[in-house]
Protein backbone atom coordinates (compact mmCIF):
# COMPACT_ATOMS: atom_id res chain seq x y z
CA MET A 1 -3.98 -18.98 6.89
CA SER A 2 -7.21 -17.36 8.06
CA VAL A 3 -7.40 -13.58 8.16
CA THR A 4 -9.76 -11.75 10.50
CA PRO A 5 -11.84 -8.81 9.22
CA GLN A 6 -9.84 -6.49 11.48
CA GLU A 7 -6.54 -7.72 10.01
CA ARG A 8 -7.84 -7.30 6.48
CA THR A 9 -9.08 -3.77 7.17
CA SER A 10 -5.79 -2.81 8.77
CA ALA A 11 -3.86 -4.22 5.81
CA ILE A 12 -6.03 -2.33 3.30
CA ARG A 13 -5.46 0.94 5.15
CA PHE A 14 -1.71 0.39 5.10
CA ILE A 15 -1.68 -0.51 1.39
CA LEU A 16 -3.65 2.64 0.58
CA ALA A 17 -1.31 4.73 2.74
CA LEU A 18 1.74 3.40 0.90
CA GLY A 19 -0.16 3.97 -2.32
CA VAL A 20 -0.53 7.65 -1.46
CA VAL A 21 3.21 7.80 -0.75
CA SER A 22 3.97 6.32 -4.17
CA LEU A 23 1.43 8.60 -5.86
CA PHE A 24 3.25 11.72 -4.66
CA ALA A 25 6.68 10.16 -5.20
CA ASP A 26 5.81 9.27 -8.79
CA MET A 27 4.45 12.75 -9.39
CA THR A 28 7.94 13.92 -8.43
CA TYR A 29 9.96 11.39 -10.40
CA GLU A 30 7.80 11.11 -13.51
CA GLY A 31 7.32 14.87 -13.58
CA ALA A 32 11.08 15.35 -13.65
CA TYR A 33 11.54 12.46 -16.11
CA SER A 34 9.11 14.03 -18.56
CA ILE A 35 11.30 17.13 -19.08
CA ILE A 36 14.81 15.97 -18.13
CA GLY A 37 15.83 15.38 -21.75
CA PRO A 38 15.13 18.88 -23.09
CA PHE A 39 16.39 20.37 -19.80
CA LEU A 40 19.77 18.69 -20.25
CA LYS A 41 19.80 19.83 -23.87
CA ASP A 42 19.34 23.43 -22.72
CA LEU A 43 22.32 22.97 -20.41
CA GLY A 44 24.49 21.95 -23.37
CA ALA A 45 24.34 18.15 -23.20
CA SER A 46 24.37 16.17 -26.44
CA ALA A 47 22.00 13.31 -27.26
CA THR A 48 24.80 10.84 -26.48
CA VAL A 49 25.37 12.44 -23.08
CA VAL A 50 21.64 12.35 -22.30
CA GLY A 51 21.57 8.64 -23.13
CA LEU A 52 24.62 7.95 -20.99
CA ILE A 53 23.20 9.86 -18.02
CA SER A 54 19.91 8.00 -18.24
CA GLY A 55 21.62 4.64 -18.68
CA LEU A 56 24.11 5.24 -15.88
CA GLY A 57 21.33 6.20 -13.50
CA GLU A 58 19.38 3.03 -14.28
CA MET A 59 22.47 0.83 -14.02
CA ILE A 60 23.42 2.26 -10.64
CA ALA A 61 19.85 1.96 -9.43
CA ALA A 62 19.62 -1.67 -10.56
CA SER A 63 22.92 -2.63 -8.95
CA LEU A 64 22.17 -0.89 -5.65
CA ARG A 65 18.81 -2.64 -5.32
CA TYR A 66 20.61 -5.95 -4.88
CA PHE A 67 22.75 -4.61 -2.03
CA SER A 68 19.99 -2.55 -0.42
CA GLY A 69 17.76 -5.63 -0.37
CA ARG A 70 20.42 -7.67 1.40
CA LEU A 71 21.02 -4.79 3.81
CA ALA A 72 17.31 -4.64 4.61
CA ASP A 73 17.19 -8.37 5.40
CA ARG A 74 20.36 -8.24 7.48
CA THR A 75 19.45 -5.19 9.56
CA ARG A 76 15.64 -5.41 9.35
CA ALA A 77 15.75 -1.59 9.30
CA TYR A 78 13.05 -1.50 6.64
CA TRP A 79 11.56 1.80 7.75
CA THR A 80 14.89 3.58 8.19
CA ILE A 81 16.02 2.61 4.69
CA THR A 82 12.65 3.55 3.20
CA PHE A 83 12.61 6.96 4.87
CA PHE A 84 16.15 7.71 3.73
CA GLY A 85 15.34 6.82 0.13
CA TYR A 86 12.27 9.05 0.01
CA ALA A 87 14.10 11.90 1.78
CA LEU A 88 16.59 12.02 -1.10
CA ASN A 89 13.69 12.85 -3.42
CA VAL A 90 12.72 15.85 -1.31
CA LEU A 91 16.22 17.29 -1.59
CA VAL A 92 17.44 16.20 -5.01
CA VAL A 93 14.60 16.73 -7.50
CA PRO A 94 13.82 20.38 -6.65
CA ALA A 95 17.59 21.07 -6.63
CA LEU A 96 17.63 20.43 -10.38
CA ALA A 97 16.23 23.95 -10.74
CA LEU A 98 19.57 25.26 -9.41
CA ALA A 99 21.84 23.14 -11.62
CA GLY A 100 23.97 25.51 -13.67
CA ASN A 101 25.46 22.89 -15.99
CA TRP A 102 24.65 19.43 -17.25
CA GLN A 103 27.35 17.83 -15.10
CA MET A 104 25.65 18.99 -11.89
CA ALA A 105 22.26 17.96 -13.26
CA ALA A 106 23.68 14.52 -14.06
CA LEU A 107 24.86 14.08 -10.46
CA LEU A 108 21.41 14.99 -9.18
CA VAL A 109 19.72 12.57 -11.59
CA VAL A 110 21.99 9.75 -10.42
CA ALA A 111 21.33 10.71 -6.78
CA GLU A 112 17.57 10.50 -7.37
CA ARG A 113 18.00 7.04 -8.91
CA THR A 114 20.09 6.05 -5.89
CA GLY A 115 17.33 7.04 -3.47
CA LYS A 116 14.75 5.11 -5.50
CA SER A 117 16.92 1.99 -5.53
CA LEU A 118 17.59 2.15 -1.79
CA ARG A 119 13.95 2.40 -0.78
CA GLY A 120 12.48 -0.04 -3.29
CA PRO A 121 13.26 -3.48 -1.78
CA ALA A 122 12.64 -2.37 1.82
CA ARG A 123 9.30 -0.78 0.94
CA ASP A 124 8.23 -3.83 -1.04
CA VAL A 125 8.89 -6.08 1.97
CA LEU A 126 6.64 -3.89 4.12
CA LEU A 127 4.01 -3.86 1.38
CA SER A 128 4.17 -7.63 0.85
CA GLU A 129 3.40 -8.23 4.52
CA ALA A 130 0.11 -6.36 4.08
CA THR A 131 -0.74 -7.85 0.67
CA SER A 132 -0.59 -11.34 2.19
CA LYS A 133 -3.79 -10.42 4.05
CA VAL A 134 -5.78 -9.34 0.97
CA GLY A 135 -4.09 -11.22 -1.89
CA HIS A 136 -0.69 -10.30 -3.27
CA GLY A 137 -2.00 -9.53 -6.74
CA THR A 138 -4.83 -7.37 -5.42
CA GLY A 139 -2.59 -5.49 -2.99
CA PHE A 140 0.26 -4.86 -5.41
CA GLY A 141 -2.26 -4.00 -8.12
CA VAL A 142 -3.89 -1.30 -5.98
CA HIS A 143 -0.47 0.08 -5.07
CA ALA A 144 0.62 0.11 -8.73
CA ALA A 145 -2.59 1.87 -9.79
CA MET A 146 -2.04 4.66 -7.27
CA ASP A 147 1.60 4.83 -8.32
CA GLN A 148 0.59 5.31 -11.95
CA ALA A 149 -1.93 8.00 -10.99
CA GLY A 150 1.07 10.02 -9.85
CA ALA A 151 2.82 9.18 -13.11
CA VAL A 152 -0.06 10.84 -14.97
CA LEU A 153 -0.30 13.91 -12.73
CA GLY A 154 3.44 14.65 -12.62
CA PRO A 155 3.96 15.21 -16.37
CA LEU A 156 0.73 17.22 -16.55
CA LEU A 157 2.00 19.44 -13.72
CA MET A 158 5.27 19.98 -15.58
CA ALA A 159 3.47 20.69 -18.86
CA ALA A 160 1.52 23.48 -17.14
CA ALA A 161 4.64 24.87 -15.45
CA VAL A 162 6.69 24.93 -18.65
CA ALA A 163 3.83 26.46 -20.62
CA LYS A 164 3.63 29.29 -18.08
CA SER A 165 7.36 30.12 -17.78
CA GLN A 166 8.62 28.84 -21.15
CA HIS A 167 11.64 27.47 -19.26
CA PHE A 168 12.37 24.01 -17.87
CA ALA A 169 14.50 24.78 -14.79
CA PRO A 170 11.86 26.66 -12.71
CA ALA A 171 9.41 23.80 -13.20
CA PHE A 172 11.48 21.53 -10.96
CA LEU A 173 10.78 23.81 -7.98
CA ARG A 174 7.11 22.87 -8.21
CA LEU A 175 8.07 19.25 -7.62
CA ALA A 176 9.17 20.15 -4.08
CA PHE A 177 5.50 20.04 -3.05
CA PRO A 178 4.67 16.43 -4.10
CA ALA A 179 8.12 15.34 -2.85
CA ALA A 180 7.41 16.78 0.60
CA LEU A 181 3.89 15.31 0.58
CA ALA A 182 5.34 11.87 -0.19
CA LEU A 183 7.55 12.08 2.88
CA ALA A 184 4.65 13.32 5.04
CA ALA A 185 2.44 10.48 3.79
CA LEU A 186 5.18 8.03 4.70
CA PHE A 187 4.93 9.12 8.35
CA VAL A 188 1.19 8.39 8.20
CA ALA A 189 1.86 4.96 6.65
CA ARG A 190 4.36 4.24 9.43
CA ALA A 191 1.69 4.99 12.02
CA LEU A 192 -0.80 2.71 10.22
CA HIS A 193 1.62 -0.21 9.83
CA PRO A 194 -0.14 -3.21 11.42
CA SER A 195 3.02 -4.59 13.07
CA LYS A 196 4.12 -1.16 14.36
CA GLY A 197 7.68 -2.06 13.41
CA ALA A 198 9.63 -4.44 11.20
CA PRO A 199 7.73 -7.43 9.76
CA PRO A 200 7.81 -10.45 12.06
CA VAL A 201 10.57 -13.03 11.69
CA VAL A 202 9.39 -16.26 10.05
CA PRO A 203 10.61 -19.26 12.09
CA GLU A 204 12.58 -21.98 10.32
CA ALA A 205 12.68 -19.99 7.08
CA PRO A 206 15.03 -21.38 4.40
CA LYS A 207 18.49 -19.80 4.33
CA GLU A 208 18.70 -19.76 0.54
CA LEU A 209 16.32 -18.43 -2.06
CA PRO A 210 14.40 -21.26 -3.79
CA ARG A 211 15.51 -22.47 -7.20
CA VAL A 212 12.19 -21.55 -8.78
CA PHE A 213 12.85 -17.95 -7.75
CA TRP A 214 16.03 -17.82 -9.86
CA MET A 215 14.17 -19.29 -12.84
CA TYR A 216 11.59 -16.57 -12.28
CA VAL A 217 14.33 -13.92 -12.28
CA VAL A 218 15.78 -15.25 -15.57
CA ALA A 219 12.34 -15.12 -17.21
CA SER A 220 11.81 -11.60 -15.89
CA GLY A 221 15.21 -10.57 -17.27
CA LEU A 222 14.27 -11.86 -20.72
CA LEU A 223 10.99 -9.95 -20.53
CA ALA A 224 12.79 -6.74 -19.55
CA CYS A 225 15.41 -7.21 -22.27
CA GLY A 226 12.75 -7.37 -24.99
CA PHE A 227 10.45 -4.73 -23.46
CA LEU A 228 10.37 -1.56 -25.54
CA ASP A 229 11.62 1.64 -23.90
CA PHE A 230 9.20 4.55 -24.34
CA PRO A 231 11.94 7.14 -25.08
CA LEU A 232 12.97 5.11 -28.15
CA LEU A 233 9.35 4.79 -29.24
CA SER A 234 8.76 8.53 -28.80
CA PHE A 235 12.04 9.28 -30.61
CA HIS A 236 10.64 7.38 -33.60
CA PHE A 237 7.34 9.26 -33.39
CA GLN A 238 9.11 12.62 -33.55
CA LYS A 239 11.62 11.59 -36.22
CA THR A 240 8.93 10.30 -38.56
CA ALA A 241 6.41 13.04 -37.63
CA ILE A 242 3.85 10.39 -36.69
CA ALA A 243 3.00 12.54 -33.67
CA LYS A 244 3.55 16.23 -33.03
CA PRO A 245 6.03 17.14 -30.24
CA ALA A 246 3.23 18.45 -28.03
CA GLU A 247 1.29 15.19 -28.48
CA ILE A 248 4.09 12.93 -27.24
CA PRO A 249 3.86 13.80 -23.50
CA LEU A 250 0.09 13.43 -23.76
CA LEU A 251 0.57 9.93 -25.22
CA TYR A 252 2.86 9.15 -22.28
CA ALA A 253 0.37 10.48 -19.72
CA GLY A 254 -2.39 8.44 -21.35
CA ALA A 255 -0.20 5.35 -21.29
CA MET A 256 0.41 5.82 -17.57
CA GLY A 257 -3.35 5.94 -17.03
CA VAL A 258 -3.83 2.68 -18.93
CA THR A 259 -0.98 1.14 -16.92
CA GLY A 260 -2.66 1.98 -13.63
CA LEU A 261 -6.04 0.62 -14.70
CA THR A 262 -4.42 -2.56 -16.05
CA ALA A 263 -2.52 -3.14 -12.82
CA LEU A 264 -5.69 -2.74 -10.78
CA ILE A 265 -7.62 -5.27 -12.87
CA LEU A 266 -4.89 -7.85 -13.47
CA GLY A 267 -3.81 -7.80 -9.83
CA LYS A 268 -7.14 -9.34 -8.83
CA VAL A 269 -7.02 -11.74 -11.77
CA PHE A 270 -3.52 -12.85 -10.70
CA ASP A 271 -4.80 -13.91 -7.29
CA ARG A 272 -7.14 -16.34 -9.04
CA TYR A 273 -5.13 -17.60 -12.02
CA GLY A 274 -1.51 -17.01 -11.04
CA ILE A 275 1.39 -16.27 -13.35
CA SER A 276 -0.53 -17.41 -16.44
CA VAL A 277 -2.01 -13.89 -16.42
CA LEU A 278 1.43 -12.42 -17.10
CA ALA A 279 2.22 -14.98 -19.80
CA VAL A 280 -0.97 -14.06 -21.67
CA SER A 281 -0.44 -10.32 -21.25
CA ILE A 282 3.01 -10.60 -22.83
CA VAL A 283 1.29 -11.55 -26.08
CA VAL A 284 -0.46 -8.15 -26.02
CA THR A 285 2.79 -6.38 -25.11
CA MET A 286 4.56 -7.93 -28.08
CA LEU A 287 2.31 -5.95 -30.43
CA ALA A 288 3.79 -2.62 -29.24
CA ALA A 289 6.98 -2.79 -31.35
CA PRO A 290 5.45 -3.75 -34.73
CA LEU A 291 2.55 -1.31 -34.29
CA GLY A 292 4.78 1.53 -33.13
CA PHE A 293 7.64 1.18 -35.61
CA LEU A 294 5.82 -0.21 -38.63
CA GLY A 295 2.42 1.45 -38.31
CA GLY A 296 1.13 4.99 -38.80
CA PRO A 297 -0.57 7.43 -36.40
CA ILE A 298 -3.25 4.93 -35.39
CA GLY A 299 -0.55 2.32 -34.89
CA ALA A 300 1.29 4.75 -32.62
CA VAL A 301 -1.71 5.12 -30.31
CA ALA A 302 -2.28 1.35 -30.32
CA ALA A 303 1.42 0.76 -29.60
CA CYS A 304 1.29 3.05 -26.56
CA ALA A 305 -1.78 1.18 -25.29
CA CYS A 306 -0.13 -2.24 -25.72
CA TRP A 307 3.06 -0.98 -24.08
CA ALA A 308 1.05 0.40 -21.15
CA ILE A 309 -0.92 -2.84 -20.71
CA GLY A 310 2.34 -4.77 -20.55
CA LEU A 311 3.80 -2.39 -17.99
CA GLY A 312 0.65 -2.59 -15.86
CA ALA A 313 0.67 -6.39 -15.98
CA GLN A 314 4.29 -6.44 -14.82
CA ASP A 315 3.59 -3.97 -12.00
CA ALA A 316 0.73 -6.10 -10.69
CA THR A 317 2.21 -9.58 -11.06
CA LEU A 318 6.00 -9.69 -10.92
CA ARG A 319 6.38 -8.56 -7.30
CA SER A 320 3.31 -10.59 -6.35
CA GLY A 321 4.89 -13.78 -7.67
CA ILE A 322 8.01 -13.20 -5.57
CA ALA A 323 5.97 -12.54 -2.43
CA GLN A 324 4.16 -15.85 -2.94
CA VAL A 325 7.26 -18.05 -3.12
CA VAL A 326 9.83 -16.31 -0.87
CA SER A 327 9.57 -16.18 2.93
CA MET A 328 9.40 -12.82 4.71
CA ASN A 329 12.96 -13.15 6.05
CA LYS A 330 14.45 -13.30 2.54
CA ARG A 331 12.14 -10.97 0.64
CA GLY A 332 14.46 -7.98 0.87
CA SER A 333 17.22 -9.99 -0.83
CA ALA A 334 14.72 -11.44 -3.30
CA PHE A 335 13.25 -8.07 -4.30
CA GLY A 336 16.75 -6.62 -4.52
CA ALA A 337 18.09 -9.43 -6.73
CA PHE A 338 15.00 -9.35 -8.93
CA ASN A 339 15.10 -5.57 -9.40
CA GLY A 340 18.84 -5.66 -10.04
CA VAL A 341 18.61 -8.25 -12.81
CA TYR A 342 15.46 -6.69 -14.25
CA GLY A 343 17.00 -3.22 -14.36
CA ILE A 344 20.25 -4.32 -15.94
CA ALA A 345 18.43 -6.49 -18.50
CA TRP A 346 16.15 -3.56 -19.38
CA PHE A 347 19.16 -1.30 -19.87
CA LEU A 348 21.03 -3.82 -22.01
CA GLY A 349 17.93 -4.50 -24.10
CA SER A 350 17.40 -0.76 -24.60
CA VAL A 351 21.01 -0.36 -25.75
CA VAL A 352 20.65 -3.21 -28.23
CA MET A 353 17.33 -1.95 -29.59
CA GLY A 354 18.69 1.58 -29.84
CA ALA A 355 21.64 0.33 -31.90
CA LEU A 356 19.37 -1.83 -34.07
CA TYR A 357 17.12 1.15 -34.77
CA ASP A 358 19.93 2.85 -36.70
CA HIS A 359 20.49 -0.25 -38.84
CA SER A 360 17.27 -2.20 -39.22
CA ILE A 361 13.88 -1.55 -37.65
CA ALA A 362 12.82 -5.05 -38.69
CA ALA A 363 15.73 -6.50 -36.70
CA LEU A 364 14.73 -4.36 -33.70
CA VAL A 365 11.18 -5.70 -33.82
CA ALA A 366 12.42 -9.29 -34.24
CA PHE A 367 14.76 -8.95 -31.25
CA GLY A 368 12.01 -7.65 -28.99
CA LEU A 369 9.52 -10.29 -30.08
CA ALA A 370 12.01 -13.14 -29.58
CA ALA A 371 13.01 -12.09 -26.06
CA GLN A 372 9.42 -11.55 -24.91
CA LEU A 373 8.20 -14.79 -26.46
CA ALA A 374 10.96 -16.70 -24.64
CA ALA A 375 9.88 -15.04 -21.38
CA ALA A 376 6.22 -15.92 -21.95
CA VAL A 377 7.12 -19.59 -22.58
CA MET A 378 9.23 -19.69 -19.38
CA PHE A 379 6.52 -18.11 -17.23
CA PHE A 380 3.85 -20.42 -18.61
CA GLY A 381 6.09 -23.43 -18.01
CA MET A 382 6.71 -22.39 -14.39
CA ARG A 383 3.08 -21.96 -13.43
CA LYS A 384 2.77 -25.33 -11.63
CA ARG A 385 6.11 -25.00 -9.81
CA LEU A 386 5.21 -21.49 -8.68
CA ALA A 387 1.81 -22.66 -7.45
CA GLU A 388 3.43 -25.52 -5.51
CA ALA A 389 6.03 -23.19 -3.98
CA ALA A 390 3.31 -20.71 -2.98
CA ALA A 391 1.26 -23.47 -1.35
CA HIS A 392 4.33 -24.72 0.51
């Protein structure tokens, strides 16, 4: 399909506009995420409770993505769903400053996760329409890079706020500004949307998702199951004194920067070489667990870099692969199903690795390596089928 220069320019503007939305939204979410643990501790929550709140939020978010994706396809109300999801951020995250107990804070955390899950599939459908004009990998890579820029700025904003007040609760009020800016930027993106409405209906689109898509989802689930969760890695750093407490959020902010740069680069590479890019990047990601858990201070820095490269590769390629093989009319359902399986698999893998940490770090590392290696083999084996489906 030929793309005119005007169509390409319009698509780029829209991708950048949605990138700005995600930048401010991630400032809000990642800023809150960076201090939610100690904040809940100050409210009297135990470590077990903190883990349950985090896990429950991710489980609910993963499950709702499946249904919100189907709702988006059925109603084609992509913009309405997206606006509602972002509006929850504006209200919920700053309200954490007013939570007087951990139970109320837990409800707000789950509400924030709910908003994120509702908007995700619908927004990705709108984004995928534009990325088809510039290359899915390139478009999603640019969006992911801007997203991760917010993930760097948010924690830094919270670090400054906490350092000034020496309290966690007031810091959440500062997140009202990026949350409101995200919603304002979304209005601009809506005005720049090339179709000026819902994406066009694709005639004679298949009624069912292709079989290769479900194989893709299984491989992604295996990858998520074996992918190391940063809170567990940072827990190990603090427990073993590999890194000082003040250094851990800086490691996280640095990792987010590497993730954004990786997504930007590998997105363009994906458009040329396809899913093989992800399969190769998994080999780098696999080094995070042995370096982080079995190495020293230098290993900790290297582990964060490998973890960030893996996350950036996933951000740039996983959604791009779906957009290549699923028609526009079914992408909401596809993104929802993918995110649902991916989120649940990530949660289950984190639970298993957390339990293994208390018994055998070697077993933890072996579990993560096995799951990611299986995913890499599956993705590499699917490369021809995915290319054929994309061409079709």
